[in-house]
N, C-alpha and C. Protein backbone atom coordinates (compact mmCIF):
# COMPACT_ATOMS: atom_id res chain seq x y z
N MET A 1 -17.65 23.53 5.39
CA MET A 1 -17.05 24.28 6.48
C MET A 1 -15.57 24.50 6.19
N PRO A 2 -15.11 25.71 6.26
CA PRO A 2 -13.68 25.98 6.07
C PRO A 2 -12.85 25.33 7.17
N SER A 3 -11.62 25.04 6.85
CA SER A 3 -10.72 24.43 7.82
C SER A 3 -9.59 25.39 8.16
N THR A 4 -9.13 25.34 9.39
CA THR A 4 -8.00 26.17 9.77
C THR A 4 -6.67 25.52 9.40
N SER A 5 -6.68 24.22 9.10
CA SER A 5 -5.43 23.53 8.78
C SER A 5 -5.32 23.12 7.31
N ILE A 6 -6.44 22.94 6.65
CA ILE A 6 -6.44 22.50 5.25
C ILE A 6 -6.98 23.62 4.38
N ARG A 7 -6.14 24.09 3.47
CA ARG A 7 -6.51 25.21 2.61
C ARG A 7 -7.37 24.78 1.44
N LYS A 8 -7.04 23.62 0.83
CA LYS A 8 -7.72 23.22 -0.39
C LYS A 8 -7.56 21.72 -0.58
N THR A 9 -8.55 21.11 -1.25
CA THR A 9 -8.44 19.71 -1.64
C THR A 9 -8.93 19.55 -3.07
N GLU A 10 -8.38 18.57 -3.74
CA GLU A 10 -8.85 18.16 -5.07
C GLU A 10 -8.82 16.64 -5.09
N TYR A 11 -9.73 16.05 -5.86
CA TYR A 11 -9.80 14.60 -5.93
C TYR A 11 -9.95 14.15 -7.37
N ASP A 12 -9.15 13.19 -7.76
CA ASP A 12 -9.23 12.58 -9.08
C ASP A 12 -9.80 11.18 -8.90
N PRO A 13 -11.11 11.00 -9.19
CA PRO A 13 -11.74 9.71 -8.93
C PRO A 13 -11.21 8.59 -9.83
N THR A 14 -10.75 8.92 -11.01
CA THR A 14 -10.22 7.90 -11.93
C THR A 14 -8.93 7.31 -11.38
N ARG A 15 -8.05 8.19 -10.90
CA ARG A 15 -6.76 7.74 -10.36
C ARG A 15 -6.82 7.49 -8.85
N ARG A 16 -7.93 7.90 -8.22
CA ARG A 16 -8.11 7.78 -6.77
C ARG A 16 -7.00 8.49 -6.01
N ILE A 17 -6.70 9.70 -6.47
CA ILE A 17 -5.67 10.51 -5.81
C ILE A 17 -6.32 11.74 -5.18
N LEU A 18 -6.06 11.90 -3.91
CA LEU A 18 -6.53 13.06 -3.16
C LEU A 18 -5.35 14.01 -2.96
N SER A 19 -5.50 15.24 -3.42
CA SER A 19 -4.48 16.27 -3.22
C SER A 19 -4.95 17.19 -2.10
N VAL A 20 -4.05 17.44 -1.15
CA VAL A 20 -4.38 18.27 0.02
C VAL A 20 -3.32 19.35 0.18
N TRP A 21 -3.76 20.61 0.23
CA TRP A 21 -2.88 21.75 0.49
C TRP A 21 -3.10 22.17 1.93
N PHE A 22 -2.01 22.38 2.66
CA PHE A 22 -2.08 22.74 4.07
C PHE A 22 -1.84 24.23 4.27
N VAL A 23 -2.56 24.80 5.22
CA VAL A 23 -2.50 26.23 5.50
C VAL A 23 -1.13 26.62 6.05
N ALA A 24 -0.69 25.99 7.11
CA ALA A 24 0.52 26.41 7.82
C ALA A 24 1.79 26.32 6.95
N SER A 25 1.94 25.21 6.24
CA SER A 25 3.17 25.00 5.48
C SER A 25 3.06 25.45 4.02
N GLY A 26 1.83 25.52 3.51
CA GLY A 26 1.63 25.82 2.10
C GLY A 26 1.94 24.64 1.21
N LYS A 27 2.26 23.50 1.79
CA LYS A 27 2.66 22.33 1.02
C LYS A 27 1.45 21.53 0.55
N CYS A 28 1.64 20.85 -0.58
CA CYS A 28 0.61 19.97 -1.14
C CYS A 28 1.13 18.55 -1.14
N TYR A 29 0.26 17.64 -0.73
CA TYR A 29 0.58 16.22 -0.74
C TYR A 29 -0.50 15.48 -1.52
N GLU A 30 -0.08 14.43 -2.22
CA GLU A 30 -1.02 13.56 -2.93
C GLU A 30 -1.10 12.24 -2.19
N PHE A 31 -2.33 11.81 -1.90
CA PHE A 31 -2.58 10.56 -1.22
C PHE A 31 -3.16 9.57 -2.23
N GLU A 32 -2.54 8.40 -2.35
CA GLU A 32 -2.90 7.42 -3.37
C GLU A 32 -3.91 6.40 -2.85
N GLY A 33 -4.78 5.96 -3.75
CA GLY A 33 -5.70 4.87 -3.44
C GLY A 33 -6.85 5.26 -2.54
N VAL A 34 -7.21 6.53 -2.52
CA VAL A 34 -8.30 7.00 -1.65
C VAL A 34 -9.63 6.70 -2.33
N PRO A 35 -10.48 5.89 -1.69
CA PRO A 35 -11.77 5.56 -2.29
C PRO A 35 -12.68 6.79 -2.38
N PRO A 36 -13.56 6.82 -3.38
CA PRO A 36 -14.49 7.95 -3.52
C PRO A 36 -15.33 8.18 -2.25
N GLU A 37 -15.68 7.09 -1.56
CA GLU A 37 -16.49 7.22 -0.35
C GLU A 37 -15.73 7.96 0.75
N THR A 38 -14.42 7.72 0.82
CA THR A 38 -13.60 8.41 1.83
C THR A 38 -13.52 9.90 1.50
N PHE A 39 -13.34 10.21 0.22
CA PHE A 39 -13.29 11.62 -0.16
C PHE A 39 -14.62 12.31 0.11
N ALA A 40 -15.72 11.64 -0.20
CA ALA A 40 -17.05 12.22 0.04
C ALA A 40 -17.25 12.49 1.53
N ALA A 41 -16.82 11.55 2.37
CA ALA A 41 -16.96 11.74 3.82
C ALA A 41 -16.05 12.87 4.30
N PHE A 42 -14.87 12.97 3.72
CA PHE A 42 -13.93 14.05 4.06
C PHE A 42 -14.54 15.40 3.71
N ARG A 43 -15.09 15.51 2.52
CA ARG A 43 -15.73 16.76 2.09
C ARG A 43 -16.89 17.15 2.99
N ALA A 44 -17.63 16.15 3.45
CA ALA A 44 -18.82 16.40 4.27
C ALA A 44 -18.49 16.61 5.76
N ALA A 45 -17.28 16.27 6.15
CA ALA A 45 -16.92 16.33 7.58
C ALA A 45 -16.96 17.76 8.10
N PHE A 46 -17.47 17.91 9.29
CA PHE A 46 -17.52 19.22 9.94
C PHE A 46 -16.11 19.70 10.28
N ALA A 47 -15.31 18.79 10.85
CA ALA A 47 -13.93 19.11 11.24
C ALA A 47 -12.99 18.40 10.26
N LYS A 48 -12.60 19.11 9.22
CA LYS A 48 -11.77 18.52 8.16
C LYS A 48 -10.42 18.04 8.67
N GLY A 49 -9.77 18.84 9.51
CA GLY A 49 -8.47 18.45 10.05
C GLY A 49 -8.56 17.17 10.87
N ARG A 50 -9.59 17.06 11.67
CA ARG A 50 -9.77 15.86 12.49
C ARG A 50 -10.05 14.64 11.62
N PHE A 51 -10.93 14.81 10.61
CA PHE A 51 -11.21 13.70 9.70
C PHE A 51 -9.92 13.27 8.99
N PHE A 52 -9.15 14.25 8.52
CA PHE A 52 -7.90 13.95 7.84
C PHE A 52 -6.98 13.12 8.74
N ASN A 53 -6.80 13.57 9.98
CA ASN A 53 -5.92 12.86 10.91
C ASN A 53 -6.43 11.47 11.25
N ASP A 54 -7.73 11.31 11.36
CA ASP A 54 -8.31 10.03 11.77
C ASP A 54 -8.46 9.03 10.63
N HIS A 55 -8.67 9.51 9.39
CA HIS A 55 -9.04 8.60 8.31
C HIS A 55 -8.14 8.62 7.07
N ILE A 56 -7.26 9.60 6.96
CA ILE A 56 -6.43 9.70 5.75
C ILE A 56 -4.94 9.64 6.11
N ARG A 57 -4.51 10.49 7.00
CA ARG A 57 -3.10 10.50 7.42
C ARG A 57 -2.74 9.13 7.98
N ASN A 58 -1.61 8.61 7.56
CA ASN A 58 -1.12 7.28 7.98
C ASN A 58 -1.99 6.12 7.52
N HIS A 59 -2.94 6.37 6.63
CA HIS A 59 -3.77 5.30 6.09
C HIS A 59 -3.52 5.07 4.60
N PHE A 60 -2.95 6.06 3.93
CA PHE A 60 -2.71 5.98 2.50
C PHE A 60 -1.29 6.41 2.19
N ARG A 61 -0.73 5.81 1.17
CA ARG A 61 0.59 6.21 0.68
C ARG A 61 0.51 7.63 0.15
N TYR A 62 1.54 8.41 0.38
CA TYR A 62 1.49 9.81 -0.06
C TYR A 62 2.86 10.27 -0.54
N ARG A 63 2.84 11.42 -1.23
CA ARG A 63 4.08 12.07 -1.62
C ARG A 63 3.85 13.57 -1.65
N ARG A 64 4.89 14.30 -1.33
CA ARG A 64 4.81 15.77 -1.40
C ARG A 64 4.99 16.17 -2.85
N VAL A 65 4.10 17.05 -3.34
CA VAL A 65 4.20 17.46 -4.73
C VAL A 65 4.59 18.92 -4.89
N SER A 66 4.33 19.76 -3.91
CA SER A 66 4.71 21.16 -4.01
C SER A 66 4.60 21.84 -2.67
N GLY A 67 5.12 23.05 -2.63
CA GLY A 67 5.03 23.88 -1.44
C GLY A 67 5.42 25.28 -1.77
N GLU A 68 5.14 26.20 -0.85
CA GLU A 68 5.45 27.60 -1.09
C GLU A 68 6.94 27.83 -1.35
N ASP A 69 7.80 27.01 -0.71
CA ASP A 69 9.23 27.20 -0.92
C ASP A 69 9.70 26.64 -2.26
N ASP A 70 8.80 25.99 -3.00
CA ASP A 70 9.12 25.46 -4.33
C ASP A 70 8.91 26.49 -5.42
N ILE A 71 8.30 27.61 -5.10
CA ILE A 71 7.95 28.62 -6.11
C ILE A 71 9.15 29.48 -6.42
């Protein structure tokens, strides 16, 4: 299901890093230490924004890696 708040996600299972691009800001953040099970549940979630807010945001260390204003 497409999300109105999350444009794209990528996951590196070896490094356990989840990259999330947001629609409104165009910014990308990397979340560290995300278990494969959490990413699988995120991908399967009907409401991606809600899942992100409930299970990823404020649960994992993160850093901003890019944004539209960085181009």
